[in-house]
Amino acid sequence: MIALIALVVGVVVGFALEPTVPTGLQAYLPIAVVAALDAVTGGVRAWLRKEFNDKQFVISFVSNVLVAALMVYLGDKLGVGAQLSTGVVVVLGMRIFANVAAIRQTLFKA
């Protein structure tokens, strides 16, 4: 319940303040969001299966975002930023779809 309240407060504050992302970090935001969605769908999957561990979730969330951002940074430095970003999105997207499929199977037994 606390997480849901925090989510609502965060969304309201975000809309009220309308924060801007610095130009240098704009390439990292979409990748960070996809990495965070991967961690969240994994957390929901674990919660539905009664295997959720809050410490593991936080570590997964932070490490996913950091590793994805690091890969984008390295891709930019190597001159293959767009290709590496696409690879990160594809891999994380596959994981998100796998988690959503597992969530669907758990909820609907289908």
PDB file of N, CA and C in Angstrom:
ATOM      1  N   MET A   1       0.817  -1.194   0.000  1.00  0.00           N
ATOM      2  CA  MET A   1       0.000   0.000   0.000  1.00  0.00           C
ATOM      3  C   MET A   1       0.863   1.261   0.000  1.00  0.00           C
ATOM      4  N   ILE A   2       1.966   1.208   0.742  1.00  0.00           N
ATOM      5  CA  ILE A   2       2.876   2.353   0.797  1.00  0.00           C
ATOM      6  C   ILE A   2       3.467   2.628  -0.580  1.00  0.00           C
ATOM      7  N   ALA A   3       3.796   1.559  -1.295  1.00  0.00           N
ATOM      8  CA  ALA A   3       4.375   1.721  -2.635  1.00  0.00           C
ATOM      9  C   ALA A   3       3.380   2.391  -3.583  1.00  0.00           C
ATOM     10  N   LEU A   4       2.118   2.015  -3.478  1.00  0.00           N
ATOM     11  CA  LEU A   4       1.101   2.614  -4.333  1.00  0.00           C
ATOM     12  C   LEU A   4       0.919   4.099  -4.021  1.00  0.00           C
ATOM     13  N   ILE A   5       0.908   4.429  -2.753  1.00  0.00           N
ATOM     14  CA  ILE A   5       0.803   5.835  -2.345  1.00  0.00           C
ATOM     15  C   ILE A   5       2.015   6.623  -2.846  1.00  0.00           C
ATOM     16  N   ALA A   6       3.201   6.045  -2.704  1.00  0.00           N
ATOM     17  CA  ALA A   6       4.423   6.709  -3.172  1.00  0.00           C
ATOM     18  C   ALA A   6       4.381   6.909  -4.683  1.00  0.00           C
ATOM     19  N   LEU A   7       3.857   5.933  -5.406  1.00  0.00           N
ATOM     20  CA  LEU A   7       3.739   6.058  -6.858  1.00  0.00           C
ATOM     21  C   LEU A   7       2.811   7.211  -7.229  1.00  0.00           C
ATOM     22  N   VAL A   8       1.659   7.274  -6.578  1.00  0.00           N
ATOM     23  CA  VAL A   8       0.700   8.341  -6.872  1.00  0.00           C
ATOM     24  C   VAL A   8       1.290   9.706  -6.537  1.00  0.00           C
ATOM     25  N   VAL A   9       1.943   9.820  -5.373  1.00  0.00           N
ATOM     26  CA  VAL A   9       2.568  11.085  -4.975  1.00  0.00           C
ATOM     27  C   VAL A   9       3.648  11.473  -5.980  1.00  0.00           C
ATOM     28  N   GLY A  10       4.453  10.513  -6.408  1.00  0.00           N
ATOM     29  CA  GLY A  10       5.505  10.788  -7.381  1.00  0.00           C
ATOM     30  C   GLY A  10       4.960  11.271  -8.702  1.00  0.00           C
ATOM     31  N   VAL A  11       3.892  10.656  -9.175  1.00  0.00           N
ATOM     32  CA  VAL A  11       3.286  11.077 -10.438  1.00  0.00           C
ATOM     33  C   VAL A  11       2.710  12.484 -10.310  1.00  0.00           C
ATOM     34  N   VAL A  12       2.017  12.763  -9.210  1.00  0.00           N
ATOM     35  CA  VAL A  12       1.433  14.091  -8.998  1.00  0.00           C
ATOM     36  C   VAL A  12       2.524  15.156  -8.921  1.00  0.00           C
ATOM     37  N   VAL A  13       3.585  14.879  -8.167  1.00  0.00           N
ATOM     38  CA  VAL A  13       4.690  15.837  -8.055  1.00  0.00           C
ATOM     39  C   VAL A  13       5.355  16.032  -9.418  1.00  0.00           C
ATOM     40  N   GLY A  14       5.532  14.964 -10.172  1.00  0.00           N
ATOM     41  CA  GLY A  14       6.131  15.066 -11.498  1.00  0.00           C
ATOM     42  C   GLY A  14       5.324  15.937 -12.437  1.00  0.00           C
ATOM     43  N   PHE A  15       3.998  15.762 -12.424  1.00  0.00           N
ATOM     44  CA  PHE A  15       3.148  16.596 -13.278  1.00  0.00           C
ATOM     45  C   PHE A  15       3.114  18.046 -12.792  1.00  0.00           C
ATOM     46  N   ALA A  16       3.164  18.239 -11.483  1.00  0.00           N
ATOM     47  CA  ALA A  16       3.095  19.598 -10.936  1.00  0.00           C
ATOM     48  C   ALA A  16       4.381  20.375 -11.208  1.00  0.00           C
ATOM     49  N   LEU A  17       5.528  19.731 -11.042  1.00  0.00           N
ATOM     50  CA  LEU A  17       6.806  20.428 -11.196  1.00  0.00           C
ATOM     51  C   LEU A  17       7.326  20.433 -12.628  1.00  0.00           C
ATOM     52  N   GLU A  18       6.843  19.522 -13.453  1.00  0.00           N
ATOM     53  CA  GLU A  18       7.299  19.390 -14.831  1.00  0.00           C
ATOM     54  C   GLU A  18       8.824  19.448 -14.952  1.00  0.00           C
ATOM     55  N   PRO A  19       9.513  18.460 -14.372  1.00  0.00           N
ATOM     56  CA  PRO A  19      10.977  18.495 -14.423  1.00  0.00           C
ATOM     57  C   PRO A  19      11.497  18.298 -15.845  1.00  0.00           C
ATOM     58  N   THR A  20      12.672  18.850 -16.096  1.00  0.00           N
ATOM     59  CA  THR A  20      13.317  18.665 -17.397  1.00  0.00           C
ATOM     60  C   THR A  20      14.562  17.818 -17.211  1.00  0.00           C
ATOM     61  N   VAL A  21      14.867  17.058 -18.222  1.00  0.00           N
ATOM     62  CA  VAL A  21      16.047  16.205 -18.198  1.00  0.00           C
ATOM     63  C   VAL A  21      17.169  16.939 -18.918  1.00  0.00           C
ATOM     64  N   PRO A  22      18.345  17.053 -18.292  1.00  0.00           N
ATOM     65  CA  PRO A  22      19.460  17.712 -18.972  1.00  0.00           C
ATOM     66  C   PRO A  22      19.798  17.010 -20.295  1.00  0.00           C
ATOM     67  N   THR A  23      20.230  17.778 -21.255  1.00  0.00           N
ATOM     68  CA  THR A  23      20.513  17.262 -22.592  1.00  0.00           C
ATOM     69  C   THR A  23      21.491  16.085 -22.554  1.00  0.00           C
ATOM     70  N   GLY A  24      22.487  16.157 -21.718  1.00  0.00           N
ATOM     71  CA  GLY A  24      23.486  15.097 -21.645  1.00  0.00           C
ATOM     72  C   GLY A  24      22.947  13.771 -21.132  1.00  0.00           C
ATOM     73  N   LEU A  25      21.817  13.821 -20.430  1.00  0.00           N
ATOM     74  CA  LEU A  25      21.252  12.596 -19.865  1.00  0.00           C
ATOM     75  C   LEU A  25      20.049  12.073 -20.644  1.00  0.00           C
ATOM     76  N   GLN A  26      19.624  12.778 -21.679  1.00  0.00           N
ATOM     77  CA  GLN A  26      18.421  12.390 -22.400  1.00  0.00           C
ATOM     78  C   GLN A  26      18.548  11.038 -23.085  1.00  0.00           C
ATOM     79  N   ALA A  27      19.722  10.652 -23.488  1.00  0.00           N
ATOM     80  CA  ALA A  27      19.897   9.343 -24.132  1.00  0.00           C
ATOM     81  C   ALA A  27      19.729   8.196 -23.139  1.00  0.00           C
ATOM     82  N   TYR A  28      19.953   8.479 -21.862  1.00  0.00           N
ATOM     83  CA  TYR A  28      19.913   7.435 -20.845  1.00  0.00           C
ATOM     84  C   TYR A  28      18.520   7.211 -20.273  1.00  0.00           C
ATOM     85  N   LEU A  29      17.651   8.210 -20.343  1.00  0.00           N
ATOM     86  CA  LEU A  29      16.336   8.111 -19.708  1.00  0.00           C
ATOM     87  C   LEU A  29      15.476   6.979 -20.267  1.00  0.00           C
ATOM     88  N   PRO A  30      15.322   6.838 -21.584  1.00  0.00           N
ATOM     89  CA  PRO A  30      14.475   5.735 -22.076  1.00  0.00           C
ATOM     90  C   PRO A  30      15.009   4.360 -21.671  1.00  0.00           C
ATOM     91  N   ILE A  31      16.327   4.214 -21.695  1.00  0.00           N
ATOM     92  CA  ILE A  31      16.920   2.930 -21.312  1.00  0.00           C
ATOM     93  C   ILE A  31      16.702   2.677 -19.830  1.00  0.00           C
ATOM     94  N   ALA A  32      16.852   3.702 -19.013  1.00  0.00           N
ATOM     95  CA  ALA A  32      16.631   3.563 -17.579  1.00  0.00           C
ATOM     96  C   ALA A  32      15.176   3.199 -17.282  1.00  0.00           C
ATOM     97  N   VAL A  33      14.245   3.785 -18.013  1.00  0.00           N
ATOM     98  CA  VAL A  33      12.821   3.476 -17.808  1.00  0.00           C
ATOM     99  C   VAL A  33      12.537   2.024 -18.182  1.00  0.00           C
ATOM    100  N   VAL A  34      13.078   1.558 -19.291  1.00  0.00           N
ATOM    101  CA  VAL A  34      12.860   0.169 -19.705  1.00  0.00           C
ATOM    102  C   VAL A  34      13.499  -0.789 -18.690  1.00  0.00           C
ATOM    103  N   ALA A  35      14.685  -0.459 -18.195  1.00  0.00           N
ATOM    104  CA  ALA A  35      15.337  -1.294 -17.185  1.00  0.00           C
ATOM    105  C   ALA A  35      14.518  -1.316 -15.895  1.00  0.00           C
ATOM    106  N   ALA A  36      13.953  -0.179 -15.522  1.00  0.00           N
ATOM    107  CA  ALA A  36      13.118  -0.122 -14.328  1.00  0.00           C
ATOM    108  C   ALA A  36      11.846  -0.940 -14.522  1.00  0.00           C
ATOM    109  N   LEU A  37      11.250  -0.868 -15.708  1.00  0.00           N
ATOM    110  CA  LEU A  37      10.054  -1.666 -15.988  1.00  0.00           C
ATOM    111  C   LEU A  37      10.360  -3.162 -15.910  1.00  0.00           C
ATOM    112  N   ASP A  38      11.532  -3.550 -16.339  1.00  0.00           N
ATOM    113  CA  ASP A  38      11.946  -4.952 -16.225  1.00  0.00           C
ATOM    114  C   ASP A  38      11.976  -5.375 -14.763  1.00  0.00           C
ATOM    115  N   ALA A  39      12.572  -4.533 -13.918  1.00  0.00           N
ATOM    116  CA  ALA A  39      12.640  -4.865 -12.494  1.00  0.00           C
ATOM    117  C   ALA A  39      11.246  -4.897 -11.862  1.00  0.00           C
ATOM    118  N   VAL A  40      10.396  -3.965 -12.245  1.00  0.00           N
ATOM    119  CA  VAL A  40       9.044  -3.912 -11.672  1.00  0.00           C
ATOM    120  C   VAL A  40       8.227  -5.135 -12.090  1.00  0.00           C
ATOM    121  N   THR A  41       8.273  -5.504 -13.366  1.00  0.00           N
ATOM    122  CA  THR A  41       7.520  -6.685 -13.792  1.00  0.00           C
ATOM    123  C   THR A  41       8.065  -7.951 -13.132  1.00  0.00           C
ATOM    124  N   GLY A  42       9.377  -8.002 -12.936  1.00  0.00           N
ATOM    125  CA  GLY A  42       9.956  -9.130 -12.204  1.00  0.00           C
ATOM    126  C   GLY A  42       9.499  -9.151 -10.751  1.00  0.00           C
ATOM    127  N   GLY A  43       9.383  -7.976 -10.150  1.00  0.00           N
ATOM    128  CA  GLY A  43       8.902  -7.887  -8.769  1.00  0.00           C
ATOM    129  C   GLY A  43       7.449  -8.305  -8.641  1.00  0.00           C
ATOM    130  N   VAL A  44       6.617  -7.891  -9.588  1.00  0.00           N
ATOM    131  CA  VAL A  44       5.200  -8.294  -9.571  1.00  0.00           C
ATOM    132  C   VAL A  44       5.093  -9.805  -9.748  1.00  0.00           C
ATOM    133  N   ARG A  45       5.888 -10.340 -10.653  1.00  0.00           N
ATOM    134  CA  ARG A  45       5.894 -11.795 -10.880  1.00  0.00           C
ATOM    135  C   ARG A  45       6.268 -12.537  -9.596  1.00  0.00           C
ATOM    136  N   ALA A  46       7.317 -12.080  -8.925  1.00  0.00           N
ATOM    137  CA  ALA A  46       7.744 -12.718  -7.678  1.00  0.00           C
ATOM    138  C   ALA A  46       6.681 -12.555  -6.591  1.00  0.00           C
ATOM    139  N   TRP A  47       6.048 -11.389  -6.523  1.00  0.00           N
ATOM    140  CA  TRP A  47       5.024 -11.145  -5.505  1.00  0.00           C
ATOM    141  C   TRP A  47       3.831 -12.083  -5.696  1.00  0.00           C
ATOM    142  N   LEU A  48       3.412 -12.258  -6.952  1.00  0.00           N
ATOM    143  CA  LEU A  48       2.285 -13.148  -7.224  1.00  0.00           C
ATOM    144  C   LEU A  48       2.609 -14.597  -6.891  1.00  0.00           C
ATOM    145  N   ARG A  49       3.862 -14.956  -7.010  1.00  0.00           N
ATOM    146  CA  ARG A  49       4.283 -16.327  -6.700  1.00  0.00           C
ATOM    147  C   ARG A  49       4.713 -16.486  -5.241  1.00  0.00           C
ATOM    148  N   LYS A  50       4.494 -15.445  -4.455  1.00  0.00           N
ATOM    149  CA  LYS A  50       4.842 -15.436  -3.021  1.00  0.00           C
ATOM    150  C   LYS A  50       6.339 -15.644  -2.790  1.00  0.00           C
ATOM    151  N   GLU A  51       7.152 -15.125  -3.718  1.00  0.00           N
ATOM    152  CA  GLU A  51       8.611 -15.239  -3.629  1.00  0.00           C
ATOM    153  C   GLU A  51       9.279 -13.871  -3.517  1.00  0.00           C
ATOM    154  N   PHE A  52       8.481 -12.820  -3.287  1.00  0.00           N
ATOM    155  CA  PHE A  52       9.009 -11.453  -3.309  1.00  0.00           C
ATOM    156  C   PHE A  52       9.930 -11.199  -2.121  1.00  0.00           C
ATOM    157  N   ASN A  53      11.058 -10.551  -2.405  1.00  0.00           N
ATOM    158  CA  ASN A  53      12.005 -10.145  -1.376  1.00  0.00           C
ATOM    159  C   ASN A  53      12.333  -8.685  -1.642  1.00  0.00           C
ATOM    160  N   ASP A  54      12.011  -7.811  -0.698  1.00  0.00           N
ATOM    161  CA  ASP A  54      12.181  -6.379  -0.947  1.00  0.00           C
ATOM    162  C   ASP A  54      13.632  -5.986  -1.174  1.00  0.00           C
ATOM    163  N   LYS A  55      14.534  -6.615  -0.460  1.00  0.00           N
ATOM    164  CA  LYS A  55      15.953  -6.309  -0.646  1.00  0.00           C
ATOM    165  C   LYS A  55      16.423  -6.713  -2.038  1.00  0.00           C
ATOM    166  N   GLN A  56      16.002  -7.872  -2.483  1.00  0.00           N
ATOM    167  CA  GLN A  56      16.363  -8.343  -3.817  1.00  0.00           C
ATOM    168  C   GLN A  56      15.749  -7.434  -4.880  1.00  0.00           C
ATOM    169  N   PHE A  57      14.519  -6.967  -4.661  1.00  0.00           N
ATOM    170  CA  PHE A  57      13.870  -6.083  -5.624  1.00  0.00           C
ATOM    171  C   PHE A  57      14.632  -4.772  -5.769  1.00  0.00           C
ATOM    172  N   VAL A  58      15.003  -4.162  -4.652  1.00  0.00           N
ATOM    173  CA  VAL A  58      15.717  -2.882  -4.710  1.00  0.00           C
ATOM    174  C   VAL A  58      17.060  -3.050  -5.406  1.00  0.00           C
ATOM    175  N   ILE A  59      17.768  -4.107  -5.077  1.00  0.00           N
ATOM    176  CA  ILE A  59      19.067  -4.363  -5.709  1.00  0.00           C
ATOM    177  C   ILE A  59      18.875  -4.603  -7.208  1.00  0.00           C
ATOM    178  N   SER A  60      17.864  -5.365  -7.585  1.00  0.00           N
ATOM    179  CA  SER A  60      17.589  -5.629  -8.996  1.00  0.00           C
ATOM    180  C   SER A  60      17.233  -4.337  -9.726  1.00  0.00           C
ATOM    181  N   PHE A  61      16.393  -3.516  -9.118  1.00  0.00           N
ATOM    182  CA  PHE A  61      15.964  -2.257  -9.721  1.00  0.00           C
ATOM    183  C   PHE A  61      17.161  -1.348  -9.981  1.00  0.00           C
ATOM    184  N   VAL A  62      17.965  -1.121  -8.947  1.00  0.00           N
ATOM    185  CA  VAL A  62      19.108  -0.215  -9.070  1.00  0.00           C
ATOM    186  C   VAL A  62      20.149  -0.772 -10.031  1.00  0.00           C
ATOM    187  N   SER A  63      20.456  -2.056  -9.904  1.00  0.00           N
ATOM    188  CA  SER A  63      21.496  -2.627 -10.770  1.00  0.00           C
ATOM    189  C   SER A  63      21.051  -2.668 -12.228  1.00  0.00           C
ATOM    190  N   ASN A  64      19.769  -2.957 -12.500  1.00  0.00           N
ATOM    191  CA  ASN A  64      19.282  -2.934 -13.881  1.00  0.00           C
ATOM    192  C   ASN A  64      19.474  -1.555 -14.501  1.00  0.00           C
ATOM    193  N   VAL A  65      19.068  -0.526 -13.764  1.00  0.00           N
ATOM    194  CA  VAL A  65      19.169   0.832 -14.289  1.00  0.00           C
ATOM    195  C   VAL A  65      20.641   1.209 -14.494  1.00  0.00           C
ATOM    196  N   LEU A  66      21.491   0.902 -13.524  1.00  0.00           N
ATOM    197  CA  LEU A  66      22.907   1.263 -13.639  1.00  0.00           C
ATOM    198  C   LEU A  66      23.609   0.523 -14.771  1.00  0.00           C
ATOM    199  N   VAL A  67      23.358  -0.769 -14.889  1.00  0.00           N
ATOM    200  CA  VAL A  67      24.004  -1.553 -15.955  1.00  0.00           C
ATOM    201  C   VAL A  67      23.522  -1.090 -17.325  1.00  0.00           C
ATOM    202  N   ALA A  68      22.226  -0.831 -17.464  1.00  0.00           N
ATOM    203  CA  ALA A  68      21.716  -0.353 -18.743  1.00  0.00           C
ATOM    204  C   ALA A  68      22.320   1.002 -19.101  1.00  0.00           C
ATOM    205  N   ALA A  69      22.399   1.904 -18.122  1.00  0.00           N
ATOM    206  CA  ALA A  69      22.990   3.224 -18.376  1.00  0.00           C
ATOM    207  C   ALA A  69      24.474   3.088 -18.715  1.00  0.00           C
ATOM    208  N   LEU A  70      25.172   2.203 -18.034  1.00  0.00           N
ATOM    209  CA  LEU A  70      26.592   1.979 -18.322  1.00  0.00           C
ATOM    210  C   LEU A  70      26.785   1.447 -19.743  1.00  0.00           C
ATOM    211  N   MET A  71      25.907   0.552 -20.156  1.00  0.00           N
ATOM    212  CA  MET A  71      26.027   0.016 -21.520  1.00  0.00           C
ATOM    213  C   MET A  71      25.791   1.104 -22.564  1.00  0.00           C
ATOM    214  N   VAL A  72      24.830   1.973 -22.312  1.00  0.00           N
ATOM    215  CA  VAL A  72      24.578   3.080 -23.245  1.00  0.00           C
ATOM    216  C   VAL A  72      25.779   4.022 -23.264  1.00  0.00           C
ATOM    217  N   TYR A  73      26.333   4.298 -22.104  1.00  0.00           N
ATOM    218  CA  TYR A  73      27.509   5.172 -22.017  1.00  0.00           C
ATOM    219  C   TYR A  73      28.682   4.575 -22.791  1.00  0.00           C
ATOM    220  N   LEU A  74      28.942   3.290 -22.569  1.00  0.00           N
ATOM    221  CA  LEU A  74      30.037   2.636 -23.290  1.00  0.00           C
ATOM    222  C   LEU A  74      29.777   2.620 -24.793  1.00  0.00           C
ATOM    223  N   GLY A  75      28.522   2.391 -25.185  1.00  0.00           N
ATOM    224  CA  GLY A  75      28.180   2.426 -26.606  1.00  0.00           C
ATOM    225  C   GLY A  75      28.438   3.790 -27.212  1.00  0.00           C
ATOM    226  N   ASP A  76      28.117   4.851 -26.469  1.00  0.00           N
ATOM    227  CA  ASP A  76      28.399   6.210 -26.948  1.00  0.00           C
ATOM    228  C   ASP A  76      29.897   6.427 -27.104  1.00  0.00           C
ATOM    229  N   LYS A  77      30.674   5.965 -26.135  1.00  0.00           N
ATOM    230  CA  LYS A  77      32.130   6.152 -26.187  1.00  0.00           C
ATOM    231  C   LYS A  77      32.767   5.341 -27.308  1.00  0.00           C
ATOM    232  N   LEU A  78      32.178   4.195 -27.620  1.00  0.00           N
ATOM    233  CA  LEU A  78      32.713   3.349 -28.696  1.00  0.00           C
ATOM    234  C   LEU A  78      32.173   3.736 -30.068  1.00  0.00           C
ATOM    235  N   GLY A  79      31.209   4.641 -30.096  1.00  0.00           N
ATOM    236  CA  GLY A  79      30.641   5.078 -31.358  1.00  0.00           C
ATOM    237  C   GLY A  79      29.527   4.189 -31.888  1.00  0.00           C
ATOM    238  N   VAL A  80      29.000   3.317 -31.043  1.00  0.00           N
ATOM    239  CA  VAL A  80      27.909   2.431 -31.449  1.00  0.00           C
ATOM    240  C   VAL A  80      26.725   2.589 -30.497  1.00  0.00           C
ATOM    241  N   GLY A  81      26.495   3.809 -30.056  1.00  0.00           N
ATOM    242  CA  GLY A  81      25.476   4.076 -29.049  1.00  0.00           C
ATOM    243  C   GLY A  81      24.090   3.626 -29.450  1.00  0.00           C
ATOM    244  N   ALA A  82      23.667   3.947 -30.666  1.00  0.00           N
ATOM    245  CA  ALA A  82      22.311   3.597 -31.098  1.00  0.00           C
ATOM    246  C   ALA A  82      22.142   2.082 -31.188  1.00  0.00           C
ATOM    247  N   GLN A  83      23.143   1.395 -31.721  1.00  0.00           N
ATOM    248  CA  GLN A  83      23.045  -0.052 -31.855  1.00  0.00           C
ATOM    249  C   GLN A  83      23.019  -0.737 -30.496  1.00  0.00           C
ATOM    250  N   LEU A  84      23.863  -0.288 -29.585  1.00  0.00           N
ATOM    251  CA  LEU A  84      23.903  -0.898 -28.261  1.00  0.00           C
ATOM    252  C   LEU A  84      22.630  -0.579 -27.483  1.00  0.00           C
ATOM    253  N   SER A  85      22.114   0.636 -27.641  1.00  0.00           N
ATOM    254  CA  SER A  85      20.854   0.998 -26.989  1.00  0.00           C
ATOM    255  C   SER A  85      19.725   0.118 -27.497  1.00  0.00           C
ATOM    256  N   THR A  86      19.709  -0.131 -28.790  1.00  0.00           N
ATOM    257  CA  THR A  86      18.682  -1.003 -29.363  1.00  0.00           C
ATOM    258  C   THR A  86      18.806  -2.410 -28.797  1.00  0.00           C
ATOM    259  N   GLY A  87      20.026  -2.887 -28.665  1.00  0.00           N
ATOM    260  CA  GLY A  87      20.247  -4.211 -28.088  1.00  0.00           C
ATOM    261  C   GLY A  87      19.759  -4.303 -26.655  1.00  0.00           C
ATOM    262  N   VAL A  88      20.033  -3.278 -25.872  1.00  0.00           N
ATOM    263  CA  VAL A  88      19.586  -3.253 -24.476  1.00  0.00           C
ATOM    264  C   VAL A  88      18.064  -3.264 -24.423  1.00  0.00           C
ATOM    265  N   VAL A  89      17.418  -2.453 -25.257  1.00  0.00           N
ATOM    266  CA  VAL A  89      15.953  -2.392 -25.261  1.00  0.00           C
ATOM    267  C   VAL A  89      15.361  -3.734 -25.690  1.00  0.00           C
ATOM    268  N   VAL A  90      15.968  -4.379 -26.675  1.00  0.00           N
ATOM    269  CA  VAL A  90      15.453  -5.672 -27.140  1.00  0.00           C
ATOM    270  C   VAL A  90      15.560  -6.718 -26.029  1.00  0.00           C
ATOM    271  N   VAL A  91      16.708  -6.804 -25.386  1.00  0.00           N
ATOM    272  CA  VAL A  91      16.900  -7.802 -24.327  1.00  0.00           C
ATOM    273  C   VAL A  91      15.960  -7.537 -23.154  1.00  0.00           C
ATOM    274  N   LEU A  92      15.905  -6.278 -22.708  1.00  0.00           N
ATOM    275  CA  LEU A  92      15.021  -5.962 -21.586  1.00  0.00           C
ATOM    276  C   LEU A  92      13.556  -6.118 -21.985  1.00  0.00           C
ATOM    277  N   GLY A  93      13.233  -5.781 -23.230  1.00  0.00           N
ATOM    278  CA  GLY A  93      11.868  -5.975 -23.707  1.00  0.00           C
ATOM    279  C   GLY A  93      11.461  -7.439 -23.697  1.00  0.00           C
ATOM    280  N   MET A  94      12.374  -8.310 -24.089  1.00  0.00           N
ATOM    281  CA  MET A  94      12.093  -9.751 -24.050  1.00  0.00           C
ATOM    282  C   MET A  94      11.840 -10.204 -22.615  1.00  0.00           C
ATOM    283  N   ARG A  95      12.638  -9.690 -21.684  1.00  0.00           N
ATOM    284  CA  ARG A  95      12.447 -10.052 -20.280  1.00  0.00           C
ATOM    285  C   ARG A  95      11.115  -9.530 -19.748  1.00  0.00           C
ATOM    286  N   ILE A  96      10.752  -8.310 -20.153  1.00  0.00           N
ATOM    287  CA  ILE A  96       9.472  -7.747 -19.721  1.00  0.00           C
ATOM    288  C   ILE A  96       8.324  -8.617 -20.241  1.00  0.00           C
ATOM    289  N   PHE A  97       8.364  -8.986 -21.524  1.00  0.00           N
ATOM    290  CA  PHE A  97       7.309  -9.828 -22.077  1.00  0.00           C
ATOM    291  C   PHE A  97       7.271 -11.195 -21.396  1.00  0.00           C
ATOM    292  N   ALA A  98       8.418 -11.755 -21.063  1.00  0.00           N
ATOM    293  CA  ALA A  98       8.439 -13.040 -20.358  1.00  0.00           C
ATOM    294  C   ALA A  98       7.815 -12.894 -18.967  1.00  0.00           C
ATOM    295  N   ASN A  99       8.138 -11.804 -18.284  1.00  0.00           N
ATOM    296  CA  ASN A  99       7.543 -11.567 -16.962  1.00  0.00           C
ATOM    297  C   ASN A  99       6.038 -11.354 -17.064  1.00  0.00           C
ATOM    298  N   VAL A 100       5.601 -10.580 -18.057  1.00  0.00           N
ATOM    299  CA  VAL A 100       4.161 -10.347 -18.232  1.00  0.00           C
ATOM    300  C   VAL A 100       3.448 -11.658 -18.564  1.00  0.00           C
ATOM    301  N   ALA A 101       4.071 -12.506 -19.366  1.00  0.00           N
ATOM    302  CA  ALA A 101       3.474 -13.814 -19.675  1.00  0.00           C
ATOM    303  C   ALA A 101       3.350 -14.654 -18.405  1.00  0.00           C
ATOM    304  N   ALA A 102       4.358 -14.640 -17.566  1.00  0.00           N
ATOM    305  CA  ALA A 102       4.312 -15.395 -16.314  1.00  0.00           C
ATOM    306  C   ALA A 102       3.248 -14.812 -15.378  1.00  0.00           C
ATOM    307  N   ILE A 103       3.119 -13.483 -15.356  1.00  0.00           N
ATOM    308  CA  ILE A 103       2.089 -12.843 -14.541  1.00  0.00           C
ATOM    309  C   ILE A 103       0.708 -13.255 -15.036  1.00  0.00           C
ATOM    310  N   ARG A 104       0.524 -13.217 -16.346  1.00  0.00           N
ATOM    311  CA  ARG A 104      -0.757 -13.619 -16.937  1.00  0.00           C
ATOM    312  C   ARG A 104      -1.071 -15.068 -16.592  1.00  0.00           C
ATOM    313  N   GLN A 105      -0.079 -15.948 -16.682  1.00  0.00           N
ATOM    314  CA  GLN A 105      -0.305 -17.360 -16.367  1.00  0.00           C
ATOM    315  C   GLN A 105      -0.675 -17.534 -14.896  1.00  0.00           C
ATOM    316  N   THR A 106      -0.027 -16.771 -14.028  1.00  0.00           N
ATOM    317  CA  THR A 106      -0.317 -16.880 -12.602  1.00  0.00           C
ATOM    318  C   THR A 106      -1.708 -16.358 -12.277  1.00  0.00           C
ATOM    319  N   LEU A 107      -2.076 -15.220 -12.871  1.00  0.00           N
ATOM    320  CA  LEU A 107      -3.373 -14.615 -12.569  1.00  0.00           C
ATOM    321  C   LEU A 107      -4.541 -15.363 -13.194  1.00  0.00           C
ATOM    322  N   PHE A 108      -4.395 -15.749 -14.457  1.00  0.00           N
ATOM    323  CA  PHE A 108      -5.514 -16.301 -15.199  1.00  0.00           C
ATOM    324  C   PHE A 108      -5.398 -17.802 -15.448  1.00  0.00           C
ATOM    325  N   LYS A 109      -4.330 -18.387 -14.995  1.00  0.00           N
ATOM    326  CA  LYS A 109      -4.098 -19.830 -15.203  1.00  0.00           C
ATOM    327  C   LYS A 109      -4.191 -20.189 -16.676  1.00  0.00           C
ATOM    328  N   ALA A 110      -3.693 -19.246 -17.520  1.00  0.00           N
ATOM    329  CA  ALA A 110      -3.768 -19.470 -18.969  1.00  0.00           C
ATOM    330  C   ALA A 110      -2.421 -19.266 -19.605  1.00  0.00           C
TER     331      ALA A 110
END
